[in-house]
PDB file of N, CA and C in Angstrom:
ATOM      1  N   UNK A   1       7.703 -28.610 -21.717  1.00  0.00           N
ATOM      2  CA  UNK A   1       8.969 -28.054 -21.295  1.00  0.00           C
ATOM      3  C   UNK A   1       8.787 -26.558 -21.044  1.00  0.00           C
ATOM      4  N   UNK A   2       9.306 -26.124 -19.918  1.00  0.00           N
ATOM      5  CA  UNK A   2       9.199 -24.725 -19.534  1.00  0.00           C
ATOM      6  C   UNK A   2      10.235 -23.891 -20.287  1.00  0.00           C
ATOM      7  N   UNK A   3       9.762 -22.888 -20.964  1.00  0.00           N
ATOM      8  CA  UNK A   3      10.643 -21.979 -21.688  1.00  0.00           C
ATOM      9  C   UNK A   3      10.639 -20.649 -20.942  1.00  0.00           C
ATOM     10  N   UNK A   4      11.812 -20.240 -20.492  1.00  0.00           N
ATOM     11  CA  UNK A   4      11.921 -18.965 -19.792  1.00  0.00           C
ATOM     12  C   UNK A   4      12.201 -17.862 -20.796  1.00  0.00           C
ATOM     13  N   UNK A   5      11.284 -16.934 -20.852  1.00  0.00           N
ATOM     14  CA  UNK A   5      11.532 -15.733 -21.638  1.00  0.00           C
ATOM     15  C   UNK A   5      11.419 -14.537 -20.707  1.00  0.00           C
ATOM     16  N   UNK A   6      11.827 -13.356 -21.125  1.00  0.00           N
ATOM     17  CA  UNK A   6      11.804 -12.194 -20.221  1.00  0.00           C
ATOM     18  C   UNK A   6      10.416 -11.874 -19.677  1.00  0.00           C
ATOM     19  N   UNK A   7       9.381 -12.095 -20.454  1.00  0.00           N
ATOM     20  CA  UNK A   7       8.025 -11.818 -19.987  1.00  0.00           C
ATOM     21  C   UNK A   7       7.660 -12.682 -18.783  1.00  0.00           C
ATOM     22  N   UNK A   8       7.969 -13.951 -18.836  1.00  0.00           N
ATOM     23  CA  UNK A   8       7.656 -14.852 -17.728  1.00  0.00           C
ATOM     24  C   UNK A   8       8.489 -14.515 -16.498  1.00  0.00           C
ATOM     25  N   UNK A   9       9.757 -14.205 -16.699  1.00  0.00           N
ATOM     26  CA  UNK A   9      10.635 -13.879 -15.570  1.00  0.00           C
ATOM     27  C   UNK A   9      10.157 -12.611 -14.875  1.00  0.00           C
ATOM     28  N   UNK A  10       9.831 -11.563 -15.648  1.00  0.00           N
ATOM     29  CA  UNK A  10       9.372 -10.306 -15.047  1.00  0.00           C
ATOM     30  C   UNK A  10       8.025 -10.497 -14.357  1.00  0.00           C
ATOM     31  N   UNK A  11       7.159 -11.300 -14.964  1.00  0.00           N
ATOM     32  CA  UNK A  11       5.869 -11.566 -14.323  1.00  0.00           C
ATOM     33  C   UNK A  11       6.043 -12.262 -12.978  1.00  0.00           C
ATOM     34  N   UNK A  12       6.949 -13.222 -12.909  1.00  0.00           N
ATOM     35  CA  UNK A  12       7.204 -13.908 -11.641  1.00  0.00           C
ATOM     36  C   UNK A  12       7.829 -12.977 -10.617  1.00  0.00           C
ATOM     37  N   UNK A  13       8.723 -12.107 -11.060  1.00  0.00           N
ATOM     38  CA  UNK A  13       9.318 -11.142 -10.122  1.00  0.00           C
ATOM     39  C   UNK A  13       8.237 -10.209  -9.573  1.00  0.00           C
ATOM     40  N   UNK A  14       7.372  -9.712 -10.456  1.00  0.00           N
ATOM     41  CA  UNK A  14       6.286  -8.837  -9.999  1.00  0.00           C
ATOM     42  C   UNK A  14       5.342  -9.580  -9.062  1.00  0.00           C
ATOM     43  N   UNK A  15       5.035 -10.820  -9.400  1.00  0.00           N
ATOM     44  CA  UNK A  15       4.143 -11.604  -8.549  1.00  0.00           C
ATOM     45  C   UNK A  15       4.760 -11.841  -7.175  1.00  0.00           C
ATOM     46  N   UNK A  16       6.018 -12.213  -7.144  1.00  0.00           N
ATOM     47  CA  UNK A  16       6.678 -12.487  -5.863  1.00  0.00           C
ATOM     48  C   UNK A  16       6.844 -11.212  -5.037  1.00  0.00           C
ATOM     49  N   UNK A  17       6.947 -10.058  -5.695  1.00  0.00           N
ATOM     50  CA  UNK A  17       7.077  -8.795  -4.966  1.00  0.00           C
ATOM     51  C   UNK A  17       5.775  -8.410  -4.267  1.00  0.00           C
ATOM     52  N   UNK A  18       4.655  -8.979  -4.685  1.00  0.00           N
ATOM     53  CA  UNK A  18       3.387  -8.642  -4.040  1.00  0.00           C
ATOM     54  C   UNK A  18       3.322  -9.171  -2.611  1.00  0.00           C
ATOM     55  N   UNK A  19       4.005 -10.264  -2.323  1.00  0.00           N
ATOM     56  CA  UNK A  19       3.949 -10.848  -0.979  1.00  0.00           C
ATOM     57  C   UNK A  19       4.527  -9.912   0.084  1.00  0.00           C
ATOM     58  N   UNK A  20       5.763  -9.398  -0.068  1.00  0.00           N
ATOM     59  CA  UNK A  20       6.250  -8.478   0.970  1.00  0.00           C
ATOM     60  C   UNK A  20       5.479  -7.168   1.026  1.00  0.00           C
ATOM     61  N   UNK A  21       4.965  -6.716  -0.109  1.00  0.00           N
ATOM     62  CA  UNK A  21       4.173  -5.479  -0.106  1.00  0.00           C
ATOM     63  C   UNK A  21       2.907  -5.676   0.736  1.00  0.00           C
ATOM     64  N   UNK A  22       2.209  -6.775   0.506  1.00  0.00           N
ATOM     65  CA  UNK A  22       0.990  -7.051   1.278  1.00  0.00           C
ATOM     66  C   UNK A  22       1.316  -7.223   2.759  1.00  0.00           C
ATOM     67  N   UNK A  23       2.403  -7.935   3.049  1.00  0.00           N
ATOM     68  CA  UNK A  23       2.789  -8.140   4.445  1.00  0.00           C
ATOM     69  C   UNK A  23       3.084  -6.807   5.124  1.00  0.00           C
ATOM     70  N   UNK A  24       3.837  -5.944   4.464  1.00  0.00           N
ATOM     71  CA  UNK A  24       4.215  -4.649   5.043  1.00  0.00           C
ATOM     72  C   UNK A  24       2.989  -3.785   5.303  1.00  0.00           C
ATOM     73  N   UNK A  25       2.080  -3.721   4.354  1.00  0.00           N
ATOM     74  CA  UNK A  25       0.891  -2.872   4.527  1.00  0.00           C
ATOM     75  C   UNK A  25      -0.041  -3.436   5.589  1.00  0.00           C
ATOM     76  N   UNK A  26      -0.228  -4.749   5.616  1.00  0.00           N
ATOM     77  CA  UNK A  26      -1.083  -5.333   6.653  1.00  0.00           C
ATOM     78  C   UNK A  26      -0.444  -5.215   8.034  1.00  0.00           C
ATOM     79  N   UNK A  27       0.881  -5.294   8.103  1.00  0.00           N
ATOM     80  CA  UNK A  27       1.577  -5.090   9.384  1.00  0.00           C
ATOM     81  C   UNK A  27       1.401  -3.663   9.879  1.00  0.00           C
ATOM     82  N   UNK A  28       1.459  -2.686   8.944  1.00  0.00           N
ATOM     83  CA  UNK A  28       1.220  -1.295   9.332  1.00  0.00           C
ATOM     84  C   UNK A  28      -0.192  -1.114   9.878  1.00  0.00           C
ATOM     85  N   UNK A  29      -1.179  -1.728   9.235  1.00  0.00           N
ATOM     86  CA  UNK A  29      -2.556  -1.638   9.732  1.00  0.00           C
ATOM     87  C   UNK A  29      -2.671  -2.279  11.104  1.00  0.00           C
ATOM     88  N   UNK A  30      -2.002  -3.420  11.298  1.00  0.00           N
ATOM     89  CA  UNK A  30      -2.008  -4.089  12.599  1.00  0.00           C
ATOM     90  C   UNK A  30      -1.385  -3.200  13.673  1.00  0.00           C
ATOM     91  N   UNK A  31      -0.261  -2.565  13.359  1.00  0.00           N
ATOM     92  CA  UNK A  31       0.397  -1.693  14.333  1.00  0.00           C
ATOM     93  C   UNK A  31      -0.500  -0.526  14.720  1.00  0.00           C
ATOM     94  N   UNK A  32      -1.199   0.025  13.737  1.00  0.00           N
ATOM     95  CA  UNK A  32      -2.028   1.199  14.014  1.00  0.00           C
ATOM     96  C   UNK A  32      -3.277   0.814  14.792  1.00  0.00           C
ATOM     97  N   UNK A  33      -3.992  -0.223  14.354  1.00  0.00           N
ATOM     98  CA  UNK A  33      -5.279  -0.542  14.967  1.00  0.00           C
ATOM     99  C   UNK A  33      -5.150  -1.374  16.241  1.00  0.00           C
ATOM    100  N   UNK A  34      -4.224  -2.298  16.299  1.00  0.00           N
ATOM    101  CA  UNK A  34      -4.136  -3.200  17.455  1.00  0.00           C
ATOM    102  C   UNK A  34      -3.144  -2.684  18.492  1.00  0.00           C
ATOM    103  N   UNK A  35      -1.931  -2.341  18.046  1.00  0.00           N
ATOM    104  CA  UNK A  35      -0.901  -1.922  18.993  1.00  0.00           C
ATOM    105  C   UNK A  35      -0.939  -0.439  19.316  1.00  0.00           C
ATOM    106  N   UNK A  36      -1.757   0.336  18.594  1.00  0.00           N
ATOM    107  CA  UNK A  36      -1.859   1.796  18.785  1.00  0.00           C
ATOM    108  C   UNK A  36      -0.502   2.478  18.639  1.00  0.00           C
ATOM    109  N   UNK A  37       0.294   1.990  17.705  1.00  0.00           N
ATOM    110  CA  UNK A  37       1.601   2.567  17.417  1.00  0.00           C
ATOM    111  C   UNK A  37       1.440   3.543  16.252  1.00  0.00           C
ATOM    112  N   UNK A  38       1.537   4.830  16.542  1.00  0.00           N
ATOM    113  CA  UNK A  38       1.318   5.855  15.520  1.00  0.00           C
ATOM    114  C   UNK A  38       2.635   6.456  15.021  1.00  0.00           C
ATOM    115  N   UNK A  39       3.730   5.728  15.181  1.00  0.00           N
ATOM    116  CA  UNK A  39       5.035   6.282  14.829  1.00  0.00           C
ATOM    117  C   UNK A  39       5.235   6.449  13.327  1.00  0.00           C
ATOM    118  N   UNK A  40       4.449   5.752  12.499  1.00  0.00           N
ATOM    119  CA  UNK A  40       4.610   5.868  11.046  1.00  0.00           C
ATOM    120  C   UNK A  40       3.385   6.484  10.389  1.00  0.00           C
ATOM    121  N   UNK A  41       2.604   7.214  11.144  1.00  0.00           N
ATOM    122  CA  UNK A  41       1.375   7.793  10.603  1.00  0.00           C
ATOM    123  C   UNK A  41       1.663   9.159  10.004  1.00  0.00           C
ATOM    124  N   UNK A  42       1.366   9.310   8.732  1.00  0.00           N
ATOM    125  CA  UNK A  42       1.408  10.588   8.019  1.00  0.00           C
ATOM    126  C   UNK A  42       2.724  11.334   8.205  1.00  0.00           C
ATOM    127  N   UNK A  43       3.832  10.646   8.046  1.00  0.00           N
ATOM    128  CA  UNK A  43       5.132  11.286   8.187  1.00  0.00           C
ATOM    129  C   UNK A  43       5.426  12.163   6.979  1.00  0.00           C
ATOM    130  N   UNK A  44       5.996  13.325   7.261  1.00  0.00           N
ATOM    131  CA  UNK A  44       6.460  14.206   6.182  1.00  0.00           C
ATOM    132  C   UNK A  44       7.867  14.649   6.554  1.00  0.00           C
ATOM    133  N   UNK A  45       8.803  14.315   5.743  1.00  0.00           N
ATOM    134  CA  UNK A  45      10.229  14.547   6.026  1.00  0.00           C
ATOM    135  C   UNK A  45      10.604  13.952   7.377  1.00  0.00           C
ATOM    136  N   UNK A  46      10.113  12.741   7.624  1.00  0.00           N
ATOM    137  CA  UNK A  46      10.370  11.969   8.848  1.00  0.00           C
ATOM    138  C   UNK A  46       9.805  12.637  10.100  1.00  0.00           C
ATOM    139  N   UNK A  47       8.941  13.621   9.955  1.00  0.00           N
ATOM    140  CA  UNK A  47       8.341  14.297  11.101  1.00  0.00           C
ATOM    141  C   UNK A  47       6.867  13.911  11.200  1.00  0.00           C
ATOM    142  N   UNK A  48       6.402  13.508  12.382  1.00  0.00           N
ATOM    143  CA  UNK A  48       4.980  13.166  12.526  1.00  0.00           C
ATOM    144  C   UNK A  48       4.134  14.441  12.581  1.00  0.00           C
ATOM    145  N   UNK A  49       2.841  14.321  12.327  1.00  0.00           N
ATOM    146  CA  UNK A  49       1.971  15.496  12.455  1.00  0.00           C
ATOM    147  C   UNK A  49       1.775  15.852  13.916  1.00  0.00           C
ATOM    148  N   UNK A  50       1.121  16.995  14.166  1.00  0.00           N
ATOM    149  CA  UNK A  50       0.914  17.433  15.553  1.00  0.00           C
ATOM    150  C   UNK A  50       0.065  16.440  16.331  1.00  0.00           C
ATOM    151  N   UNK A  51      -0.954  15.889  15.689  1.00  0.00           N
ATOM    152  CA  UNK A  51      -1.838  14.929  16.350  1.00  0.00           C
ATOM    153  C   UNK A  51      -1.928  13.656  15.513  1.00  0.00           C
ATOM    154  N   UNK A  52      -0.977  12.734  15.657  1.00  0.00           N
ATOM    155  CA  UNK A  52      -1.002  11.535  14.812  1.00  0.00           C
ATOM    156  C   UNK A  52      -2.199  10.631  15.078  1.00  0.00           C
ATOM    157  N   UNK A  53      -2.773  10.683  16.281  1.00  0.00           N
ATOM    158  CA  UNK A  53      -3.943   9.842  16.578  1.00  0.00           C
ATOM    159  C   UNK A  53      -5.144  10.246  15.716  1.00  0.00           C
ATOM    160  N   UNK A  54      -5.214  11.513  15.336  1.00  0.00           N
ATOM    161  CA  UNK A  54      -6.306  11.987  14.481  1.00  0.00           C
ATOM    162  C   UNK A  54      -6.239  11.359  13.100  1.00  0.00           C
ATOM    163  N   UNK A  55      -5.028  11.149  12.596  1.00  0.00           N
ATOM    164  CA  UNK A  55      -4.842  10.653  11.233  1.00  0.00           C
ATOM    165  C   UNK A  55      -4.662   9.145  11.181  1.00  0.00           C
ATOM    166  N   UNK A  56      -4.494   8.516  12.338  1.00  0.00           N
ATOM    167  CA  UNK A  56      -4.238   7.077  12.375  1.00  0.00           C
ATOM    168  C   UNK A  56      -5.360   6.236  11.756  1.00  0.00           C
ATOM    169  N   UNK A  57      -6.657   6.528  12.000  1.00  0.00           N
ATOM    170  CA  UNK A  57      -7.688   5.686  11.367  1.00  0.00           C
ATOM    171  C   UNK A  57      -7.654   5.742   9.846  1.00  0.00           C
ATOM    172  N   UNK A  58      -7.364   6.905   9.291  1.00  0.00           N
ATOM    173  CA  UNK A  58      -7.314   7.035   7.830  1.00  0.00           C
ATOM    174  C   UNK A  58      -6.149   6.235   7.252  1.00  0.00           C
ATOM    175  N   UNK A  59      -4.995   6.373   7.877  1.00  0.00           N
ATOM    176  CA  UNK A  59      -3.817   5.646   7.404  1.00  0.00           C
ATOM    177  C   UNK A  59      -3.993   4.144   7.621  1.00  0.00           C
ATOM    178  N   UNK A  60      -4.573   3.769   8.753  1.00  0.00           N
ATOM    179  CA  UNK A  60      -4.802   2.352   9.025  1.00  0.00           C
ATOM    180  C   UNK A  60      -5.768   1.737   8.033  1.00  0.00           C
ATOM    181  N   UNK A  61      -6.859   2.437   7.737  1.00  0.00           N
ATOM    182  CA  UNK A  61      -7.818   1.913   6.765  1.00  0.00           C
ATOM    183  C   UNK A  61      -7.215   1.828   5.369  1.00  0.00           C
ATOM    184  N   UNK A  62      -6.414   2.815   5.013  1.00  0.00           N
ATOM    185  CA  UNK A  62      -5.755   2.784   3.710  1.00  0.00           C
ATOM    186  C   UNK A  62      -4.822   1.579   3.611  1.00  0.00           C
ATOM    187  N   UNK A  63      -4.037   1.343   4.655  1.00  0.00           N
ATOM    188  CA  UNK A  63      -3.126   0.189   4.650  1.00  0.00           C
ATOM    189  C   UNK A  63      -3.896  -1.124   4.638  1.00  0.00           C
ATOM    190  N   UNK A  64      -4.975  -1.196   5.415  1.00  0.00           N
ATOM    191  CA  UNK A  64      -5.769  -2.422   5.467  1.00  0.00           C
ATOM    192  C   UNK A  64      -6.428  -2.711   4.116  1.00  0.00           C
ATOM    193  N   UNK A  65      -7.039  -1.694   3.515  1.00  0.00           N
ATOM    194  CA  UNK A  65      -7.703  -1.886   2.218  1.00  0.00           C
ATOM    195  C   UNK A  65      -6.698  -2.275   1.137  1.00  0.00           C
ATOM    196  N   UNK A  66      -5.549  -1.608   1.125  1.00  0.00           N
ATOM    197  CA  UNK A  66      -4.538  -1.920   0.111  1.00  0.00           C
ATOM    198  C   UNK A  66      -3.957  -3.319   0.327  1.00  0.00           C
ATOM    199  N   UNK A  67      -3.727  -3.692   1.571  1.00  0.00           N
ATOM    200  CA  UNK A  67      -3.203  -5.032   1.857  1.00  0.00           C
ATOM    201  C   UNK A  67      -4.181  -6.122   1.457  1.00  0.00           C
ATOM    202  N   UNK A  68      -5.464  -5.910   1.734  1.00  0.00           N
ATOM    203  CA  UNK A  68      -6.478  -6.902   1.348  1.00  0.00           C
ATOM    204  C   UNK A  68      -6.592  -6.990  -0.173  1.00  0.00           C
ATOM    205  N   UNK A  69      -6.517  -5.864  -0.849  1.00  0.00           N
ATOM    206  CA  UNK A  69      -6.603  -5.878  -2.321  1.00  0.00           C
ATOM    207  C   UNK A  69      -5.417  -6.624  -2.934  1.00  0.00           C
ATOM    208  N   UNK A  70      -4.239  -6.452  -2.347  1.00  0.00           N
ATOM    209  CA  UNK A  70      -3.066  -7.166  -2.869  1.00  0.00           C
ATOM    210  C   UNK A  70      -3.196  -8.667  -2.594  1.00  0.00           C
ATOM    211  N   UNK A  71      -3.701  -9.028  -1.420  1.00  0.00           N
ATOM    212  CA  UNK A  71      -3.951 -10.449  -1.137  1.00  0.00           C
ATOM    213  C   UNK A  71      -4.967 -11.013  -2.129  1.00  0.00           C
ATOM    214  N   UNK A  72      -5.966 -10.224  -2.455  1.00  0.00           N
ATOM    215  CA  UNK A  72      -6.976 -10.626  -3.437  1.00  0.00           C
ATOM    216  C   UNK A  72      -6.322 -10.874  -4.805  1.00  0.00           C
ATOM    217  N   UNK A  73      -5.414  -9.992  -5.198  1.00  0.00           N
ATOM    218  CA  UNK A  73      -4.707 -10.168  -6.476  1.00  0.00           C
ATOM    219  C   UNK A  73      -3.816 -11.414  -6.436  1.00  0.00           C
ATOM    220  N   UNK A  74      -3.164 -11.649  -5.291  1.00  0.00           N
ATOM    221  CA  UNK A  74      -2.291 -12.828  -5.170  1.00  0.00           C
ATOM    222  C   UNK A  74      -3.122 -14.104  -5.282  1.00  0.00           C
ATOM    223  N   UNK A  75      -4.231 -14.149  -4.574  1.00  0.00           N
ATOM    224  CA  UNK A  75      -5.075 -15.353  -4.624  1.00  0.00           C
ATOM    225  C   UNK A  75      -5.604 -15.581  -6.031  1.00  0.00           C
ATOM    226  N   UNK A  76      -5.974 -14.499  -6.705  1.00  0.00           N
ATOM    227  CA  UNK A  76      -6.470 -14.633  -8.068  1.00  0.00           C
ATOM    228  C   UNK A  76      -5.419 -15.061  -9.058  1.00  0.00           C
ATOM    229  N   UNK A  77      -4.167 -14.841  -8.733  1.00  0.00           N
ATOM    230  CA  UNK A  77      -3.092 -15.145  -9.678  1.00  0.00           C
ATOM    231  C   UNK A  77      -2.345 -16.422  -9.354  1.00  0.00           C
ATOM    232  N   UNK A  78      -2.703 -17.103  -8.267  1.00  0.00           N
ATOM    233  CA  UNK A  78      -1.952 -18.311  -7.908  1.00  0.00           C
ATOM    234  C   UNK A  78      -1.971 -19.308  -9.068  1.00  0.00           C
ATOM    235  N   UNK A  79      -0.837 -19.858  -9.370  1.00  0.00           N
ATOM    236  CA  UNK A  79      -0.726 -20.686 -10.576  1.00  0.00           C
ATOM    237  C   UNK A  79      -1.628 -21.916 -10.585  1.00  0.00           C
ATOM    238  N   UNK A  80      -1.997 -22.443  -9.452  1.00  0.00           N
ATOM    239  CA  UNK A  80      -2.832 -23.643  -9.471  1.00  0.00           C
ATOM    240  C   UNK A  80      -4.319 -23.323  -9.501  1.00  0.00           C
ATOM    241  N   UNK A  81      -4.700 -22.055  -9.362  1.00  0.00           N
ATOM    242  CA  UNK A  81      -6.111 -21.695  -9.443  1.00  0.00           C
ATOM    243  C   UNK A  81      -6.442 -20.943 -10.720  1.00  0.00           C
ATOM    244  N   UNK A  82      -5.617 -19.989 -11.091  1.00  0.00           N
ATOM    245  CA  UNK A  82      -5.841 -19.152 -12.276  1.00  0.00           C
ATOM    246  C   UNK A  82      -7.253 -18.573 -12.310  1.00  0.00           C
ATOM    247  N   UNK A  83      -7.641 -17.963 -11.214  1.00  0.00           N
ATOM    248  CA  UNK A  83      -8.957 -17.330 -11.167  1.00  0.00           C
ATOM    249  C   UNK A  83      -9.004 -16.159 -12.136  1.00  0.00           C
ATOM    250  N   UNK A  84      -7.943 -15.370 -12.137  1.00  0.00           N
ATOM    251  CA  UNK A  84      -7.896 -14.194 -13.003  1.00  0.00           C
ATOM    252  C   UNK A  84      -6.836 -14.389 -14.079  1.00  0.00           C
ATOM    253  N   UNK A  85      -7.085 -13.845 -15.255  1.00  0.00           N
ATOM    254  CA  UNK A  85      -6.023 -13.844 -16.268  1.00  0.00           C
ATOM    255  C   UNK A  85      -4.935 -12.839 -15.874  1.00  0.00           C
ATOM    256  N   UNK A  86      -3.844 -12.889 -16.576  1.00  0.00           N
ATOM    257  CA  UNK A  86      -2.694 -12.041 -16.258  1.00  0.00           C
ATOM    258  C   UNK A  86      -3.076 -10.572 -16.205  1.00  0.00           C
ATOM    259  N   UNK A  87      -3.853 -10.103 -17.174  1.00  0.00           N
ATOM    260  CA  UNK A  87      -4.197  -8.685 -17.247  1.00  0.00           C
ATOM    261  C   UNK A  87      -5.011  -8.244 -16.037  1.00  0.00           C
ATOM    262  N   UNK A  88      -5.833  -9.116 -15.525  1.00  0.00           N
ATOM    263  CA  UNK A  88      -6.699  -8.728 -14.418  1.00  0.00           C
ATOM    264  C   UNK A  88      -5.934  -8.644 -13.100  1.00  0.00           C
ATOM    265  N   UNK A  89      -5.133  -9.660 -12.758  1.00  0.00           N
ATOM    266  CA  UNK A  89      -4.450  -9.589 -11.460  1.00  0.00           C
ATOM    267  C   UNK A  89      -3.359  -8.525 -11.455  1.00  0.00           C
ATOM    268  N   UNK A  90      -2.704  -8.300 -12.590  1.00  0.00           N
ATOM    269  CA  UNK A  90      -1.728  -7.205 -12.627  1.00  0.00           C
ATOM    270  C   UNK A  90      -2.434  -5.851 -12.565  1.00  0.00           C
ATOM    271  N   UNK A  91      -3.619  -5.778 -13.155  1.00  0.00           N
ATOM    272  CA  UNK A  91      -4.394  -4.543 -13.073  1.00  0.00           C
ATOM    273  C   UNK A  91      -4.831  -4.243 -11.653  1.00  0.00           C
ATOM    274  N   UNK A  92      -5.287  -5.268 -10.935  1.00  0.00           N
ATOM    275  CA  UNK A  92      -5.675  -5.078  -9.531  1.00  0.00           C
ATOM    276  C   UNK A  92      -4.478  -4.609  -8.715  1.00  0.00           C
ATOM    277  N   UNK A  93      -3.345  -5.250  -8.916  1.00  0.00           N
ATOM    278  CA  UNK A  93      -2.144  -4.875  -8.160  1.00  0.00           C
ATOM    279  C   UNK A  93      -1.699  -3.451  -8.502  1.00  0.00           C
ATOM    280  N   UNK A  94      -1.711  -3.099  -9.767  1.00  0.00           N
ATOM    281  CA  UNK A  94      -1.248  -1.764 -10.171  1.00  0.00           C
ATOM    282  C   UNK A  94      -2.172  -0.676  -9.644  1.00  0.00           C
ATOM    283  N   UNK A  95      -3.460  -0.860  -9.786  1.00  0.00           N
ATOM    284  CA  UNK A  95      -4.408   0.149  -9.291  1.00  0.00           C
ATOM    285  C   UNK A  95      -4.292   0.284  -7.781  1.00  0.00           C
ATOM    286  N   UNK A  96      -4.094  -0.827  -7.094  1.00  0.00           N
ATOM    287  CA  UNK A  96      -3.959  -0.779  -5.635  1.00  0.00           C
ATOM    288  C   UNK A  96      -2.712  -0.016  -5.217  1.00  0.00           C
ATOM    289  N   UNK A  97      -1.613  -0.276  -5.888  1.00  0.00           N
ATOM    290  CA  UNK A  97      -0.368   0.425  -5.534  1.00  0.00           C
ATOM    291  C   UNK A  97      -0.506   1.926  -5.774  1.00  0.00           C
ATOM    292  N   UNK A  98      -1.080   2.307  -6.907  1.00  0.00           N
ATOM    293  CA  UNK A  98      -1.279   3.745  -7.177  1.00  0.00           C
ATOM    294  C   UNK A  98      -2.256   4.354  -6.190  1.00  0.00           C
ATOM    295  N   UNK A  99      -3.340   3.633  -5.876  1.00  0.00           N
ATOM    296  CA  UNK A  99      -4.322   4.087  -4.899  1.00  0.00           C
ATOM    297  C   UNK A  99      -3.646   4.327  -3.551  1.00  0.00           C
ATOM    298  N   UNK A 100      -2.786   3.426  -3.155  1.00  0.00           N
ATOM    299  CA  UNK A 100      -2.082   3.556  -1.866  1.00  0.00           C
ATOM    300  C   UNK A 100      -1.135   4.757  -1.879  1.00  0.00           C
ATOM    301  N   UNK A 101      -0.385   4.921  -2.949  1.00  0.00           N
ATOM    302  CA  UNK A 101       0.559   6.045  -3.013  1.00  0.00           C
ATOM    303  C   UNK A 101      -0.165   7.391  -2.978  1.00  0.00           C
ATOM    304  N   UNK A 102      -1.213   7.536  -3.794  1.00  0.00           N
ATOM    305  CA  UNK A 102      -1.945   8.800  -3.808  1.00  0.00           C
ATOM    306  C   UNK A 102      -2.684   9.019  -2.493  1.00  0.00           C
ATOM    307  N   UNK A 103      -3.231   7.964  -1.926  1.00  0.00           N
ATOM    308  CA  UNK A 103      -3.913   8.094  -0.641  1.00  0.00           C
ATOM    309  C   UNK A 103      -2.976   8.562   0.455  1.00  0.00           C
ATOM    310  N   UNK A 104      -1.795   7.977   0.522  1.00  0.00           N
ATOM    311  CA  UNK A 104      -0.819   8.420   1.523  1.00  0.00           C
ATOM    312  C   UNK A 104      -0.400   9.865   1.300  1.00  0.00           C
ATOM    313  N   UNK A 105      -0.230  10.241   0.053  1.00  0.00           N
ATOM    314  CA  UNK A 105       0.159  11.624  -0.258  1.00  0.00           C
ATOM    315  C   UNK A 105      -0.927  12.598   0.208  1.00  0.00           C
ATOM    316  N   UNK A 106      -2.183  12.280  -0.072  1.00  0.00           N
ATOM    317  CA  UNK A 106      -3.287  13.157   0.324  1.00  0.00           C
ATOM    318  C   UNK A 106      -3.373  13.257   1.840  1.00  0.00           C
ATOM    319  N   UNK A 107      -3.292  12.129   2.533  1.00  0.00           N
ATOM    320  CA  UNK A 107      -3.376  12.154   3.999  1.00  0.00           C
ATOM    321  C   UNK A 107      -2.197  12.925   4.590  1.00  0.00           C
ATOM    322  N   UNK A 108      -1.015  12.681   4.039  1.00  0.00           N
ATOM    323  CA  UNK A 108       0.177  13.377   4.544  1.00  0.00           C
ATOM    324  C   UNK A 108       0.045  14.887   4.390  1.00  0.00           C
ATOM    325  N   UNK A 109      -0.471  15.336   3.257  1.00  0.00           N
ATOM    326  CA  UNK A 109      -0.596  16.773   3.043  1.00  0.00           C
ATOM    327  C   UNK A 109      -1.715  17.385   3.879  1.00  0.00           C
ATOM    328  N   UNK A 110      -2.742  16.639   4.205  1.00  0.00           N
ATOM    329  CA  UNK A 110      -3.772  17.158   5.106  1.00  0.00           C
ATOM    330  C   UNK A 110      -3.258  17.199   6.542  1.00  0.00           C
ATOM    331  N   UNK A 111      -2.417  16.244   6.910  1.00  0.00           N
ATOM    332  CA  UNK A 111      -1.875  16.217   8.272  1.00  0.00           C
ATOM    333  C   UNK A 111      -0.820  17.294   8.490  1.00  0.00           C
ATOM    334  N   UNK A 112      -0.156  17.691   7.419  1.00  0.00           N
ATOM    335  CA  UNK A 112       0.868  18.744   7.491  1.00  0.00           C
ATOM    336  C   UNK A 112       0.442  19.862   6.539  1.00  0.00           C
ATOM    337  N   UNK A 113      -0.453  20.729   6.949  1.00  0.00           N
ATOM    338  CA  UNK A 113      -0.927  21.768   6.025  1.00  0.00           C
ATOM    339  C   UNK A 113       0.175  22.764   5.693  1.00  0.00           C
ATOM    340  N   UNK A 114       0.007  23.368   4.536  1.00  0.00           N
ATOM    341  CA  UNK A 114       0.963  24.397   4.120  1.00  0.00           C
ATOM    342  C   UNK A 114       0.820  25.604   5.037  1.00  0.00           C
ATOM    343  N   UNK A 115       1.957  26.199   5.373  1.00  0.00           N
ATOM    344  CA  UNK A 115       1.945  27.395   6.207  1.00  0.00           C
ATOM    345  C   UNK A 115       2.260  28.594   5.330  1.00  0.00           C
ATOM    346  N   UNK A 116       1.398  29.567   5.400  1.00  0.00           N
ATOM    347  CA  UNK A 116       1.605  30.785   4.630  1.00  0.00           C
ATOM    348  C   UNK A 116       2.331  31.773   5.523  1.00  0.00           C
ATOM    349  N   UNK A 117       3.439  32.296   5.013  1.00  0.00           N
ATOM    350  CA  UNK A 117       4.225  33.257   5.791  1.00  0.00           C
ATOM    351  C   UNK A 117       3.487  34.586   5.855  1.00  0.00           C
ATOM    352  N   UNK A 118       3.471  35.164   7.024  1.00  0.00           N
ATOM    353  CA  UNK A 118       2.811  36.466   7.193  1.00  0.00           C
ATOM    354  C   UNK A 118       3.848  37.566   7.075  1.00  0.00           C
ATOM    355  N   UNK A 119       3.490  38.606   6.336  1.00  0.00           N
ATOM    356  CA  UNK A 119       4.381  39.767   6.222  1.00  0.00           C
ATOM    357  C   UNK A 119       4.172  40.677   7.418  1.00  0.00           C
ATOM    358  N   UNK A 120       5.257  41.122   7.989  1.00  0.00           N
ATOM    359  CA  UNK A 120       5.153  42.018   9.154  1.00  0.00           C
ATOM    360  C   UNK A 120       5.477  43.422   8.762  1.00  0.00           C
TER     361      UNK A 120
END
């Protein structure tokens, strides 16, 4: 008999949330590499950098790597395979999400460098 406790419910919510995250990141990589759509590359305050094509390969690779890693975590956690224990697939997903966030932050800040005001 299945007993629902908060741990199982939260684990299922986290697991199910990985699907749209992977889809969104892989779609972004597809848009950048296949469709050459650079409208979401390195945005800062909704403004693109001066040359988004320069930063597109970095953002595309970051999205592709993160999307593949999340798919890897999903496959490892599928209930009928149980390739990875709970700690491992959640660890893969967590490290990937943090890696993606920090990677985007670094690319965004390199694409939009700080401007130092000159005194006249």
